[in-house]
Amino acid sequence: MEAKDTYGRSTYVAGESLSATYQRVADDERQLDREILVYGTLRRDQSNHRLMHGLEFVKEVEVKGFEMYVMSQRSFRSIPFVTPTDDDESTIVAEMYRMEDRAGGHYSEILCGLDMLEDHPNWYRRVKVVPVGESTEMWMYIFDEPMAEQYKDGCMRVETGDWVNPTK
C-alpha cells in the first residue's frame, strides 16, 4: 500500500524495493518537463553541485511566494531551506537545470539521487513550482509548513532570497 502525505503526494513506504522507488520517481518525472530548480548547496560552485552532473544548466530564475532560511546562526554556508509564504512579493533565487542525462536518459536515477540527498519526502518535499517568467511547472525541494514551523525559530532568514549572494 502506498502512503500519502498531507498534500496527497506519494511517499516512500518501508520495505519498498529500489526498483519500485525508481518506478515511482519515473512516474513523477514523466508528469513534468524535465527541469528542476535548485537554490542552495546544489547550485554551481556549492558543496553538493557534483550531484548535478549530467544536467544542463539553463539559467538563473526567481520563484515568488517562498522565503529562504539557513539552519545556522554563524554562517550562510550551512543548510538552506525554503518554505511557502503568503507574501507574493517574497522571492528566492534558483538555478534551473534540464535533466538531459548525457549517459542515456536515466532521469529517474538522477531524481532518485537528489531525493536521497534531500531525504524526500521525510525532510524536504519535492514539489511543482512555476518560476517568474515561465509557464512550465518544475521540481523544487522545499520544507512544507509543518516542517518549517518546527525549524524556523532557530534559523536565519536570507532576506535576499539568494543563497549565493545573501547580502546583495
Protein backbone atom coordinates (compact mmCIF):
# COMPACT_ATOMS: atom_id res chain seq x y z
CA MET A 1 0.00 0.00 0.00
CA GLU A 2 1.35 3.40 -0.94
CA ALA A 3 1.31 6.08 1.74
CA LYS A 4 0.26 9.66 1.01
CA ASP A 5 1.39 12.82 2.76
CA THR A 6 -0.94 15.65 3.77
CA TYR A 7 -0.84 17.02 0.20
CA GLY A 8 -1.79 13.70 -1.40
CA ARG A 9 1.71 13.07 -2.78
CA SER A 10 3.22 9.61 -2.84
CA THR A 11 5.71 8.89 -0.09
CA TYR A 12 8.24 6.16 0.49
CA VAL A 13 6.86 3.05 2.10
CA ALA A 14 9.11 0.99 4.37
CA GLY A 15 10.09 -2.14 2.53
CA GLU A 16 9.60 -0.60 -0.90
CA SER A 17 12.12 -2.12 -3.29
CA LEU A 18 14.64 0.06 -5.09
CA SER A 19 13.06 -0.83 -8.43
CA ALA A 20 9.65 0.25 -7.09
CA THR A 21 11.18 3.52 -5.90
CA TYR A 22 12.74 4.10 -9.35
CA GLN A 23 9.38 3.38 -10.99
CA ARG A 24 7.54 5.81 -8.71
CA VAL A 25 10.13 8.52 -9.40
CA ALA A 26 9.97 7.75 -13.13
CA ASP A 27 6.20 8.20 -12.99
CA ASP A 28 6.72 11.55 -11.21
CA GLU A 29 9.23 12.85 -13.74
CA ARG A 30 7.03 11.91 -16.72
CA GLN A 31 4.39 14.30 -15.40
CA LEU A 32 6.62 17.34 -15.96
CA ASP A 33 9.03 18.84 -18.39
CA ARG A 34 12.49 17.82 -17.38
CA GLU A 35 13.51 20.91 -15.42
CA ILE A 36 14.49 21.11 -11.78
CA LEU A 37 15.26 24.18 -9.66
CA VAL A 38 17.99 24.30 -7.03
CA TYR A 39 18.68 27.18 -4.64
CA GLY A 40 21.29 26.06 -2.10
CA THR A 41 24.13 23.57 -1.91
CA LEU A 42 23.26 22.09 -5.33
CA ARG A 43 23.96 25.39 -7.11
CA ARG A 44 27.13 25.97 -9.13
CA ASP A 45 30.30 26.25 -7.02
CA GLN A 46 28.49 24.92 -3.95
CA SER A 47 29.27 21.83 -1.88
CA ASN A 48 26.76 19.39 -3.45
CA HIS A 49 26.88 20.64 -7.05
CA ARG A 50 28.72 17.48 -8.12
CA LEU A 51 25.36 15.69 -7.86
CA MET A 52 24.09 17.84 -10.75
CA HIS A 53 26.49 16.05 -13.12
CA GLY A 54 24.68 15.17 -16.32
CA LEU A 55 22.20 18.02 -16.00
CA GLU A 56 22.28 21.04 -18.29
CA PHE A 57 22.35 24.46 -16.59
CA VAL A 58 19.69 26.62 -18.24
CA LYS A 59 19.56 29.91 -16.33
CA GLU A 60 19.03 31.65 -13.01
CA VAL A 61 15.37 32.30 -12.13
CA GLU A 62 13.24 33.74 -9.36
CA VAL A 63 10.39 31.91 -7.66
CA LYS A 64 7.73 34.02 -5.93
CA GLY A 65 5.85 33.04 -2.82
CA PHE A 66 8.77 31.49 -0.94
CA GLU A 67 11.21 32.65 1.72
CA MET A 68 14.64 31.21 2.45
CA TYR A 69 16.17 30.27 5.79
CA VAL A 70 19.53 28.88 6.87
CA MET A 71 19.95 26.38 9.70
CA SER A 72 22.87 28.24 11.27
CA GLN A 73 23.35 31.39 13.32
CA ARG A 74 27.06 31.57 12.42
CA SER A 75 27.27 31.24 8.66
CA PHE A 76 25.32 31.38 5.45
CA ARG A 77 27.22 28.23 4.41
CA SER A 78 25.09 25.78 6.32
CA ILE A 79 21.83 24.09 5.32
CA PRO A 80 19.33 26.26 3.43
CA PHE A 81 15.62 25.62 3.08
CA VAL A 82 12.72 27.45 1.50
CA THR A 83 9.16 27.49 2.65
CA PRO A 84 5.93 28.88 1.19
CA THR A 85 4.80 32.28 2.40
CA ASP A 86 1.62 34.31 1.98
CA ASP A 87 3.76 37.24 0.80
CA ASP A 88 3.56 37.01 -3.01
CA GLU A 89 6.37 39.58 -3.31
CA SER A 90 8.82 37.36 -1.42
CA THR A 91 11.14 35.66 -3.92
CA ILE A 92 14.01 33.23 -3.89
CA VAL A 93 16.76 32.84 -6.48
CA ALA A 94 17.26 29.40 -8.01
CA GLU A 95 19.15 27.80 -10.85
CA MET A 96 17.17 25.94 -13.49
CA TYR A 97 18.60 22.68 -14.82
CA ARG A 98 17.32 20.47 -17.61
CA MET A 99 17.52 16.76 -16.91
CA GLU A 100 19.17 15.62 -20.12
CA ASP A 101 21.37 12.85 -18.83
CA ARG A 102 24.38 12.57 -21.11
CA ALA A 103 24.69 8.91 -20.14
CA GLY A 104 21.49 7.90 -21.85
CA GLY A 105 18.43 9.44 -20.24
CA HIS A 106 18.33 7.98 -16.73
CA TYR A 107 16.07 10.70 -15.35
CA SER A 108 14.64 8.54 -12.59
CA GLU A 109 18.13 7.72 -11.32
CA ILE A 110 19.01 11.44 -11.23
CA LEU A 111 15.82 12.27 -9.32
CA CYS A 112 16.36 9.29 -7.00
CA GLY A 113 19.85 10.55 -6.17
CA LEU A 114 18.57 14.06 -5.44
CA ASP A 115 15.66 12.64 -3.45
CA MET A 116 18.15 10.69 -1.34
CA LEU A 117 20.26 13.80 -0.68
CA GLU A 118 17.20 15.82 0.30
CA ASP A 119 15.63 12.85 2.16
CA HIS A 120 12.41 13.36 0.20
CA PRO A 121 9.70 13.06 1.43
CA ASN A 122 10.79 12.87 5.08
CA TRP A 123 12.90 16.06 5.31
CA TYR A 124 12.46 18.12 2.15
CA ARG A 125 9.49 17.68 -0.18
CA ARG A 126 9.86 17.73 -3.96
CA VAL A 127 7.03 19.89 -5.25
CA LYS A 128 5.95 21.54 -8.51
CA VAL A 129 6.53 25.29 -8.85
CA VAL A 130 6.44 27.79 -11.71
CA PRO A 131 9.29 30.35 -11.77
CA VAL A 132 8.73 34.00 -12.69
CA GLY A 133 8.50 34.35 -16.49
CA GLU A 134 7.99 30.62 -17.10
CA SER A 135 4.83 28.69 -17.93
CA THR A 136 6.02 25.18 -17.10
CA GLU A 137 5.94 23.51 -13.69
CA MET A 138 9.33 22.39 -12.42
CA TRP A 139 10.54 20.37 -9.46
CA MET A 140 11.94 22.13 -6.39
CA TYR A 141 12.68 20.85 -2.87
CA ILE A 142 11.01 22.76 -0.02
CA PHE A 143 10.18 22.49 3.64
CA ASP A 144 6.40 22.36 3.89
CA GLU A 145 4.71 24.46 6.58
CA PRO A 146 4.74 21.88 9.41
CA MET A 147 8.46 21.20 8.90
CA ALA A 148 9.33 24.89 8.52
CA GLU A 149 7.45 25.85 11.69
CA GLN A 150 9.47 23.27 13.57
CA TYR A 151 12.81 24.76 12.45
CA LYS A 152 12.30 28.46 11.57
CA ASP A 153 12.73 29.85 15.09
CA GLY A 154 16.40 28.93 15.37
CA CYS A 155 17.22 29.88 11.79
CA MET A 156 18.38 32.97 9.98
CA ARG A 157 16.19 34.35 7.17
CA VAL A 158 18.07 35.10 3.96
CA GLU A 159 16.41 38.43 3.14
CA THR A 160 17.75 38.50 -0.43
CA GLY A 161 16.37 35.01 -1.12
CA ASP A 162 19.74 34.22 -2.70
CA TRP A 163 21.96 31.59 -1.05
CA VAL A 164 24.99 32.56 -3.15
CA ASN A 165 24.59 36.33 -2.58
CA PRO A 166 22.94 36.61 0.86
CA THR A 167 23.80 40.29 1.35
CA LYS A 168 23.44 41.73 -2.20
